[in-house]
Amino acid sequence: MSAGAEYDRETPPDPEDTNLWNIRTGALFPSGATLDDTEFSVGIEYEPRANRSTGNPDGHLTFSADWTRITTRTATGEDDVTLIPILVNWKQRLAARQERAWYYGLGAGIYWAEDPIPEMDLTEDASFAWQVMLGYRLNPDTFVEGRFIASDEVSDDALFGLAVGYSF
């Protein structure tokens, strides 16, 4: 259904034609020698359905951004530096049209750092980033997800993440 299209008010729009927003919260575990082993994370993801263009009803394009603060050493002690991975992803469900289903995904985009994070070998501003993910839809509204996000120096700049989320 295209934007602004009319539909019978008694019949809701087909879920495959609607857009989804996901919010998630969880923990990120940096691979670099940061001061904290675990960092809190919150994120949002937009899932426009790509079915019409790909012919694949179980795969879709997503746009995601997550926020975290990495505790790092500075010349004057320590600081919490904002790190935001902004990614374009492809998610693929493994079980066609089932309410509960495993999915996997791949993404690419940028790490945006407010200030340098030397322990992760990240400079201020933007760096290339990529991710792989594996998740499970518990029902149409909730999911759990594991992700691995990294840049050029995987041994230093990677983040392993575990999250729970809600779709609306």
N, C-alpha and C. Protein backbone atom coordinates (compact mmCIF):
# COMPACT_ATOMS: atom_id res chain seq x y z
N MET A 1 0.84 -1.16 0.00
CA MET A 1 0.00 0.00 0.00
C MET A 1 0.89 1.23 0.00
N SER A 2 0.69 2.13 -0.90
CA SER A 2 1.53 3.32 -0.96
C SER A 2 1.09 4.34 0.07
N ALA A 3 1.98 5.27 0.37
CA ALA A 3 1.68 6.29 1.35
C ALA A 3 0.44 7.06 0.92
N GLY A 4 -0.47 7.27 1.84
CA GLY A 4 -1.67 8.03 1.55
C GLY A 4 -2.76 7.22 0.87
N ALA A 5 -2.53 5.95 0.58
CA ALA A 5 -3.54 5.13 -0.07
C ALA A 5 -4.69 4.86 0.88
N GLU A 6 -5.89 4.77 0.33
CA GLU A 6 -7.08 4.50 1.12
C GLU A 6 -7.25 3.01 1.31
N TYR A 7 -7.84 2.62 2.46
CA TYR A 7 -8.18 1.23 2.68
C TYR A 7 -9.46 1.20 3.52
N ASP A 8 -10.13 0.09 3.46
CA ASP A 8 -11.35 -0.11 4.21
C ASP A 8 -11.03 -0.02 5.70
N ARG A 9 -11.69 0.85 6.44
CA ARG A 9 -11.38 1.05 7.86
C ARG A 9 -11.69 -0.19 8.69
N GLU A 10 -12.51 -1.09 8.19
CA GLU A 10 -12.80 -2.34 8.89
C GLU A 10 -11.69 -3.36 8.72
N THR A 11 -10.90 -3.21 7.66
CA THR A 11 -9.81 -4.14 7.37
C THR A 11 -8.49 -3.42 7.53
N PRO A 12 -7.68 -3.83 8.50
CA PRO A 12 -6.39 -3.15 8.67
C PRO A 12 -5.47 -3.42 7.49
N PRO A 13 -4.45 -2.59 7.29
CA PRO A 13 -3.52 -2.81 6.20
C PRO A 13 -2.74 -4.12 6.40
N ASP A 14 -2.33 -4.71 5.31
CA ASP A 14 -1.53 -5.93 5.36
C ASP A 14 -0.21 -5.63 6.07
N PRO A 15 0.19 -6.45 7.08
CA PRO A 15 1.44 -6.18 7.79
C PRO A 15 2.66 -6.13 6.88
N GLU A 16 2.63 -6.82 5.77
CA GLU A 16 3.78 -6.79 4.84
C GLU A 16 3.90 -5.44 4.15
N ASP A 17 2.83 -4.62 4.18
CA ASP A 17 2.86 -3.31 3.54
C ASP A 17 3.10 -2.18 4.53
N THR A 18 3.28 -2.49 5.79
CA THR A 18 3.48 -1.44 6.79
C THR A 18 4.96 -1.31 7.14
N ASN A 19 5.30 -0.17 7.66
CA ASN A 19 6.66 0.06 8.13
C ASN A 19 6.75 -0.31 9.60
N LEU A 20 7.91 -0.75 10.02
CA LEU A 20 8.12 -1.14 11.40
C LEU A 20 9.23 -0.30 12.00
N TRP A 21 9.04 0.05 13.24
CA TRP A 21 10.09 0.67 14.04
C TRP A 21 10.45 -0.32 15.13
N ASN A 22 11.71 -0.48 15.39
CA ASN A 22 12.19 -1.32 16.48
C ASN A 22 12.99 -0.44 17.43
N ILE A 23 12.76 -0.64 18.72
CA ILE A 23 13.64 -0.03 19.72
C ILE A 23 14.27 -1.18 20.49
N ARG A 24 15.51 -1.00 20.89
CA ARG A 24 16.21 -2.06 21.61
C ARG A 24 17.09 -1.46 22.69
N THR A 25 17.33 -2.27 23.71
CA THR A 25 18.25 -1.88 24.76
C THR A 25 19.02 -3.12 25.18
N GLY A 26 20.23 -2.88 25.62
CA GLY A 26 21.03 -4.02 26.01
C GLY A 26 22.42 -3.61 26.43
N ALA A 27 23.34 -4.53 26.26
CA ALA A 27 24.73 -4.31 26.66
C ALA A 27 25.65 -4.51 25.46
N LEU A 28 26.68 -3.70 25.40
CA LEU A 28 27.74 -3.85 24.40
C LEU A 28 29.03 -4.16 25.14
N PHE A 29 29.79 -5.08 24.59
CA PHE A 29 31.05 -5.51 25.20
C PHE A 29 32.19 -5.16 24.25
N PRO A 30 32.96 -4.09 24.53
CA PRO A 30 34.05 -3.68 23.64
C PRO A 30 35.19 -4.69 23.63
N SER A 31 35.81 -4.86 22.45
CA SER A 31 36.97 -5.76 22.34
C SER A 31 38.26 -5.06 22.74
N GLY A 32 38.28 -3.74 22.64
CA GLY A 32 39.47 -2.98 23.02
C GLY A 32 39.63 -2.92 24.53
N ALA A 33 40.78 -2.43 24.97
CA ALA A 33 41.10 -2.36 26.40
C ALA A 33 40.49 -1.11 27.03
N THR A 34 39.17 -0.96 26.91
CA THR A 34 38.48 0.19 27.50
C THR A 34 38.41 0.00 29.01
N LEU A 35 38.08 1.08 29.72
CA LEU A 35 38.05 1.01 31.18
C LEU A 35 36.90 0.15 31.71
N ASP A 36 35.81 0.06 30.98
CA ASP A 36 34.67 -0.77 31.37
C ASP A 36 34.52 -1.92 30.37
N ASP A 37 34.25 -3.11 30.88
CA ASP A 37 34.05 -4.29 30.02
C ASP A 37 32.66 -4.33 29.39
N THR A 38 31.70 -3.62 30.01
CA THR A 38 30.32 -3.64 29.55
C THR A 38 29.79 -2.22 29.48
N GLU A 39 29.10 -1.90 28.41
CA GLU A 39 28.51 -0.57 28.25
C GLU A 39 27.02 -0.71 27.93
N PHE A 40 26.19 0.15 28.49
CA PHE A 40 24.76 0.20 28.21
C PHE A 40 24.55 0.72 26.79
N SER A 41 23.54 0.23 26.11
CA SER A 41 23.24 0.68 24.75
C SER A 41 21.73 0.78 24.56
N VAL A 42 21.33 1.73 23.75
CA VAL A 42 19.93 1.86 23.33
C VAL A 42 19.95 2.19 21.84
N GLY A 43 18.98 1.65 21.10
CA GLY A 43 18.98 1.89 19.66
C GLY A 43 17.59 1.93 19.08
N ILE A 44 17.53 2.42 17.86
CA ILE A 44 16.29 2.47 17.09
C ILE A 44 16.58 1.98 15.69
N GLU A 45 15.57 1.35 15.09
CA GLU A 45 15.74 0.80 13.74
C GLU A 45 14.44 0.98 12.97
N TYR A 46 14.58 1.36 11.72
CA TYR A 46 13.43 1.54 10.82
C TYR A 46 13.48 0.43 9.79
N GLU A 47 12.36 -0.26 9.61
CA GLU A 47 12.29 -1.41 8.70
C GLU A 47 11.25 -1.21 7.61
N PRO A 48 11.53 -0.45 6.56
CA PRO A 48 10.57 -0.42 5.45
C PRO A 48 10.63 -1.75 4.72
N ARG A 49 9.51 -2.28 4.36
CA ARG A 49 9.48 -3.59 3.68
C ARG A 49 10.02 -3.45 2.26
N ALA A 50 10.92 -4.32 1.88
CA ALA A 50 11.53 -4.27 0.54
C ALA A 50 10.95 -5.34 -0.36
N ASN A 51 9.85 -5.96 0.04
CA ASN A 51 9.31 -7.10 -0.70
C ASN A 51 9.02 -6.80 -2.16
N ARG A 52 8.46 -5.65 -2.43
CA ARG A 52 8.07 -5.35 -3.81
C ARG A 52 9.27 -5.25 -4.75
N SER A 53 10.37 -4.73 -4.22
CA SER A 53 11.53 -4.56 -5.10
C SER A 53 12.39 -5.81 -5.19
N THR A 54 12.36 -6.67 -4.17
CA THR A 54 13.24 -7.84 -4.19
C THR A 54 12.52 -9.14 -4.50
N GLY A 55 11.20 -9.18 -4.31
CA GLY A 55 10.47 -10.43 -4.49
C GLY A 55 10.74 -11.41 -3.37
N ASN A 56 11.33 -10.96 -2.28
CA ASN A 56 11.68 -11.81 -1.15
C ASN A 56 10.83 -11.41 0.06
N PRO A 57 9.75 -12.16 0.37
CA PRO A 57 8.87 -11.74 1.47
C PRO A 57 9.49 -11.87 2.85
N ASP A 58 10.60 -12.56 2.98
CA ASP A 58 11.20 -12.78 4.29
C ASP A 58 12.46 -11.96 4.54
N GLY A 59 12.82 -11.10 3.60
CA GLY A 59 13.98 -10.25 3.77
C GLY A 59 13.60 -8.79 3.67
N HIS A 60 14.31 -7.96 4.40
CA HIS A 60 14.03 -6.54 4.31
C HIS A 60 15.24 -5.70 4.70
N LEU A 61 15.24 -4.51 4.16
CA LEU A 61 16.26 -3.51 4.41
C LEU A 61 15.93 -2.79 5.71
N THR A 62 16.93 -2.46 6.51
CA THR A 62 16.69 -1.67 7.72
C THR A 62 17.74 -0.57 7.84
N PHE A 63 17.39 0.45 8.59
CA PHE A 63 18.29 1.55 8.90
C PHE A 63 18.35 1.64 10.42
N SER A 64 19.55 1.55 10.99
CA SER A 64 19.65 1.50 12.45
C SER A 64 20.68 2.50 12.98
N ALA A 65 20.43 2.93 14.22
CA ALA A 65 21.37 3.77 14.96
C ALA A 65 21.31 3.35 16.42
N ASP A 66 22.46 3.16 17.02
CA ASP A 66 22.54 2.79 18.43
C ASP A 66 23.40 3.83 19.15
N TRP A 67 23.11 4.04 20.42
CA TRP A 67 23.85 5.00 21.22
C TRP A 67 24.48 4.26 22.39
N THR A 68 25.74 4.55 22.62
CA THR A 68 26.43 4.02 23.80
C THR A 68 27.49 5.03 24.23
N ARG A 69 27.97 4.89 25.44
CA ARG A 69 29.06 5.72 25.96
C ARG A 69 30.20 4.78 26.33
N ILE A 70 31.36 4.98 25.74
CA ILE A 70 32.54 4.17 26.00
C ILE A 70 33.44 4.92 26.99
N THR A 71 33.78 4.30 28.10
CA THR A 71 34.66 4.91 29.09
C THR A 71 36.10 4.76 28.62
N THR A 72 36.77 5.89 28.44
CA THR A 72 38.12 5.90 27.88
C THR A 72 39.06 6.74 28.74
N ARG A 73 40.35 6.53 28.58
CA ARG A 73 41.36 7.32 29.28
C ARG A 73 41.61 8.62 28.51
N THR A 74 41.79 9.70 29.24
CA THR A 74 42.13 10.98 28.63
C THR A 74 43.36 11.54 29.36
N ALA A 75 43.85 12.66 28.86
CA ALA A 75 45.01 13.29 29.48
C ALA A 75 44.72 13.73 30.91
N THR A 76 43.45 14.00 31.21
CA THR A 76 43.08 14.47 32.55
C THR A 76 42.40 13.40 33.39
N GLY A 77 42.42 12.16 32.96
CA GLY A 77 41.79 11.08 33.74
C GLY A 77 41.01 10.13 32.86
N GLU A 78 39.69 10.18 32.98
CA GLU A 78 38.85 9.33 32.15
C GLU A 78 37.60 10.11 31.73
N ASP A 79 36.96 9.62 30.66
CA ASP A 79 35.79 10.29 30.11
C ASP A 79 34.88 9.25 29.47
N ASP A 80 33.59 9.53 29.45
CA ASP A 80 32.64 8.71 28.72
C ASP A 80 32.38 9.37 27.38
N VAL A 81 32.76 8.68 26.30
CA VAL A 81 32.67 9.23 24.95
C VAL A 81 31.49 8.56 24.22
N THR A 82 30.64 9.38 23.62
CA THR A 82 29.50 8.86 22.86
C THR A 82 30.00 8.18 21.59
N LEU A 83 29.48 6.97 21.35
CA LEU A 83 29.77 6.23 20.12
C LEU A 83 28.43 5.80 19.54
N ILE A 84 28.19 6.14 18.27
CA ILE A 84 26.93 5.82 17.60
C ILE A 84 27.21 5.09 16.30
N PRO A 85 26.94 3.78 16.24
CA PRO A 85 26.98 3.08 14.96
C PRO A 85 25.70 3.39 14.17
N ILE A 86 25.84 3.87 12.95
CA ILE A 86 24.71 4.17 12.06
C ILE A 86 24.88 3.26 10.85
N LEU A 87 23.92 2.35 10.64
CA LEU A 87 24.10 1.29 9.65
C LEU A 87 22.88 1.08 8.76
N VAL A 88 23.15 0.62 7.55
CA VAL A 88 22.12 0.11 6.64
C VAL A 88 22.29 -1.40 6.65
N ASN A 89 21.21 -2.13 6.89
CA ASN A 89 21.28 -3.58 7.09
C ASN A 89 20.33 -4.33 6.16
N TRP A 90 20.60 -5.59 5.98
CA TRP A 90 19.68 -6.52 5.35
C TRP A 90 19.39 -7.61 6.37
N LYS A 91 18.10 -7.82 6.68
CA LYS A 91 17.68 -8.88 7.61
C LYS A 91 16.91 -9.93 6.82
N GLN A 92 17.17 -11.18 7.13
CA GLN A 92 16.52 -12.30 6.44
C GLN A 92 15.94 -13.25 7.49
N ARG A 93 14.62 -13.50 7.43
CA ARG A 93 13.99 -14.48 8.33
C ARG A 93 14.28 -15.87 7.82
N LEU A 94 14.47 -16.80 8.75
CA LEU A 94 14.75 -18.19 8.36
C LEU A 94 13.49 -19.02 8.25
N ALA A 95 12.41 -18.64 8.91
CA ALA A 95 11.15 -19.38 8.84
C ALA A 95 10.10 -18.48 8.19
N ALA A 96 9.66 -18.84 7.03
CA ALA A 96 8.74 -18.02 6.26
C ALA A 96 7.41 -17.83 6.98
N ARG A 97 7.02 -16.60 7.11
CA ARG A 97 5.70 -16.21 7.59
C ARG A 97 5.29 -16.83 8.92
N GLN A 98 6.23 -17.05 9.80
CA GLN A 98 5.90 -17.55 11.12
C GLN A 98 6.06 -16.44 12.14
N GLU A 99 5.18 -16.45 13.13
CA GLU A 99 5.21 -15.42 14.16
C GLU A 99 6.53 -15.45 14.93
N ARG A 100 6.97 -16.65 15.30
CA ARG A 100 8.27 -16.82 15.95
C ARG A 100 9.27 -17.29 14.91
N ALA A 101 10.37 -16.61 14.80
CA ALA A 101 11.32 -16.98 13.75
C ALA A 101 12.71 -16.45 14.05
N TRP A 102 13.72 -17.23 13.69
CA TRP A 102 15.10 -16.79 13.71
C TRP A 102 15.33 -15.88 12.52
N TYR A 103 16.24 -14.94 12.65
CA TYR A 103 16.66 -14.12 11.52
C TYR A 103 18.15 -13.82 11.66
N TYR A 104 18.75 -13.49 10.54
CA TYR A 104 20.14 -13.07 10.54
C TYR A 104 20.24 -11.82 9.68
N GLY A 105 21.35 -11.11 9.82
CA GLY A 105 21.51 -9.90 9.03
C GLY A 105 22.95 -9.46 8.91
N LEU A 106 23.16 -8.60 7.94
CA LEU A 106 24.47 -7.99 7.66
C LEU A 106 24.24 -6.50 7.46
N GLY A 107 25.21 -5.70 7.87
CA GLY A 107 25.05 -4.27 7.68
C GLY A 107 26.38 -3.57 7.48
N ALA A 108 26.30 -2.35 6.96
CA ALA A 108 27.48 -1.51 6.76
C ALA A 108 27.07 -0.05 6.97
N GLY A 109 28.02 0.74 7.45
CA GLY A 109 27.75 2.15 7.68
C GLY A 109 28.93 2.82 8.35
N ILE A 110 28.65 3.59 9.40
CA ILE A 110 29.72 4.33 10.08
C ILE A 110 29.61 4.17 11.60
N TYR A 111 30.76 4.27 12.24
CA TYR A 111 30.87 4.53 13.68
C TYR A 111 31.04 6.04 13.77
N TRP A 112 30.24 6.72 14.56
CA TRP A 112 30.47 8.13 14.82
C TRP A 112 30.88 8.27 16.27
N ALA A 113 32.08 8.81 16.50
CA ALA A 113 32.59 9.01 17.85
C ALA A 113 32.68 10.51 18.14
N GLU A 114 32.18 10.88 19.31
CA GLU A 114 32.20 12.27 19.75
C GLU A 114 33.63 12.79 19.93
N ASP A 115 34.49 11.95 20.47
CA ASP A 115 35.90 12.25 20.70
C ASP A 115 36.68 10.97 20.38
N PRO A 116 38.01 11.06 20.27
CA PRO A 116 38.78 9.84 20.03
C PRO A 116 38.61 8.81 21.16
N ILE A 117 38.63 7.54 20.78
CA ILE A 117 38.61 6.44 21.75
C ILE A 117 39.86 5.62 21.45
N PRO A 118 41.00 5.99 22.05
CA PRO A 118 42.26 5.35 21.70
C PRO A 118 42.28 3.84 21.95
N GLU A 119 41.60 3.38 22.99
CA GLU A 119 41.58 1.94 23.30
C GLU A 119 40.90 1.12 22.20
N MET A 120 40.03 1.78 21.43
CA MET A 120 39.34 1.10 20.33
C MET A 120 39.93 1.51 18.99
N ASP A 121 41.00 2.30 19.01
CA ASP A 121 41.65 2.77 17.79
C ASP A 121 40.68 3.54 16.90
N LEU A 122 39.76 4.29 17.53
CA LEU A 122 38.79 5.12 16.80
C LEU A 122 39.14 6.58 16.97
N THR A 123 39.10 7.32 15.88
CA THR A 123 39.35 8.75 15.92
C THR A 123 38.02 9.48 16.08
N GLU A 124 38.13 10.77 16.34
CA GLU A 124 36.94 11.60 16.43
C GLU A 124 36.24 11.60 15.08
N ASP A 125 34.94 11.73 15.07
CA ASP A 125 34.10 11.77 13.88
C ASP A 125 33.77 10.38 13.37
N ALA A 126 33.76 10.20 12.05
CA ALA A 126 33.21 8.97 11.46
C ALA A 126 34.29 8.02 10.96
N SER A 127 34.01 6.72 11.16
CA SER A 127 34.85 5.64 10.64
C SER A 127 33.92 4.61 10.02
N PHE A 128 34.40 3.87 9.03
CA PHE A 128 33.62 2.79 8.45
C PHE A 128 33.28 1.75 9.52
N ALA A 129 32.07 1.19 9.46
CA ALA A 129 31.66 0.13 10.39
C ALA A 129 30.84 -0.92 9.64
N TRP A 130 30.84 -2.13 10.17
CA TRP A 130 30.02 -3.21 9.61
C TRP A 130 29.50 -4.05 10.77
N GLN A 131 28.47 -4.84 10.49
CA GLN A 131 27.93 -5.70 11.54
C GLN A 131 27.34 -6.98 10.97
N VAL A 132 27.29 -7.99 11.83
CA VAL A 132 26.53 -9.21 11.57
C VAL A 132 25.63 -9.40 12.79
N MET A 133 24.46 -9.98 12.57
CA MET A 133 23.52 -10.15 13.67
C MET A 133 22.77 -11.47 13.55
N LEU A 134 22.31 -11.94 14.68
CA LEU A 134 21.44 -13.11 14.75
C LEU A 134 20.40 -12.80 15.80
N GLY A 135 19.13 -12.97 15.44
CA GLY A 135 18.07 -12.64 16.38
C GLY A 135 16.95 -13.66 16.34
N TYR A 136 16.04 -13.52 17.29
CA TYR A 136 14.88 -14.40 17.37
C TYR A 136 13.67 -13.56 17.74
N ARG A 137 12.63 -13.64 16.91
CA ARG A 137 11.35 -12.98 17.18
C ARG A 137 10.56 -13.85 18.14
N LEU A 138 10.33 -13.37 19.35
CA LEU A 138 9.55 -14.10 20.33
C LEU A 138 8.06 -14.07 19.99
N ASN A 139 7.62 -12.96 19.41
CA ASN A 139 6.26 -12.75 18.91
C ASN A 139 6.35 -11.54 17.99
N PRO A 140 5.25 -11.08 17.40
CA PRO A 140 5.37 -9.95 16.46
C PRO A 140 5.93 -8.66 17.08
N ASP A 141 5.84 -8.53 18.40
CA ASP A 141 6.25 -7.28 19.03
C ASP A 141 7.59 -7.32 19.75
N THR A 142 8.12 -8.48 20.09
CA THR A 142 9.35 -8.53 20.87
C THR A 142 10.39 -9.44 20.23
N PHE A 143 11.65 -9.12 20.49
CA PHE A 143 12.74 -9.90 19.92
C PHE A 143 13.96 -9.84 20.84
N VAL A 144 14.85 -10.79 20.65
CA VAL A 144 16.17 -10.78 21.28
C VAL A 144 17.19 -10.84 20.15
N GLU A 145 18.34 -10.23 20.36
CA GLU A 145 19.29 -10.12 19.26
C GLU A 145 20.72 -10.09 19.78
N GLY A 146 21.61 -10.76 19.06
CA GLY A 146 23.04 -10.67 19.29
C GLY A 146 23.68 -10.05 18.07
N ARG A 147 24.63 -9.14 18.30
CA ARG A 147 25.28 -8.46 17.17
C ARG A 147 26.77 -8.35 17.40
N PHE A 148 27.49 -8.31 16.30
CA PHE A 148 28.92 -8.07 16.32
C PHE A 148 29.16 -6.90 15.39
N ILE A 149 29.61 -5.77 15.93
CA ILE A 149 29.84 -4.55 15.16
C ILE A 149 31.34 -4.26 15.22
N ALA A 150 31.93 -3.93 14.09
CA ALA A 150 33.38 -3.66 14.07
C ALA A 150 33.71 -2.67 12.96
N SER A 151 34.98 -2.30 12.92
CA SER A 151 35.51 -1.41 11.90
C SER A 151 36.77 -2.04 11.32
N ASP A 152 37.80 -1.26 11.10
CA ASP A 152 39.02 -1.75 10.46
C ASP A 152 39.89 -2.61 11.36
N GLU A 153 39.92 -2.32 12.64
CA GLU A 153 40.77 -3.03 13.60
C GLU A 153 39.90 -3.89 14.51
N VAL A 154 39.48 -5.05 14.03
CA VAL A 154 38.52 -5.89 14.74
C VAL A 154 38.99 -6.23 16.16
N SER A 155 40.26 -6.44 16.35
CA SER A 155 40.74 -6.79 17.69
C SER A 155 40.61 -5.63 18.68
N ASP A 156 40.52 -4.40 18.19
CA ASP A 156 40.42 -3.23 19.06
C ASP A 156 39.05 -2.57 19.05
N ASP A 157 38.40 -2.49 17.88
CA ASP A 157 37.22 -1.63 17.76
C ASP A 157 35.89 -2.37 17.70
N ALA A 158 35.88 -3.65 17.95
CA ALA A 158 34.65 -4.42 17.86
C ALA A 158 33.79 -4.25 19.11
N LEU A 159 32.50 -4.38 18.89
CA LEU A 159 31.52 -4.41 19.98
C LEU A 159 30.65 -5.64 19.79
N PHE A 160 30.58 -6.49 20.81
CA PHE A 160 29.65 -7.60 20.80
C PHE A 160 28.45 -7.13 21.61
N GLY A 161 27.25 -7.29 21.06
CA GLY A 161 26.07 -6.79 21.75
C GLY A 161 24.99 -7.82 21.96
N LEU A 162 24.30 -7.72 23.08
CA LEU A 162 23.11 -8.51 23.38
C LEU A 162 22.01 -7.53 23.72
N ALA A 163 20.83 -7.72 23.12
CA ALA A 163 19.75 -6.76 23.33
C ALA A 163 18.39 -7.45 23.31
N VAL A 164 17.44 -6.77 23.92
CA VAL A 164 16.03 -7.13 23.80
C VAL A 164 15.36 -5.93 23.14
N GLY A 165 14.30 -6.21 22.38
CA GLY A 165 13.67 -5.11 21.68
C GLY A 165 12.18 -5.25 21.56
N TYR A 166 11.56 -4.14 21.14
CA TYR A 166 10.13 -4.05 20.95
C TYR A 166 9.86 -3.40 19.60
N SER A 167 8.93 -3.96 18.84
CA SER A 167 8.57 -3.43 17.52
C SER A 167 7.20 -2.76 17.58
N PHE A 168 7.08 -1.65 16.87
CA PHE A 168 5.79 -0.96 16.78
C PHE A 168 5.62 -0.34 15.42
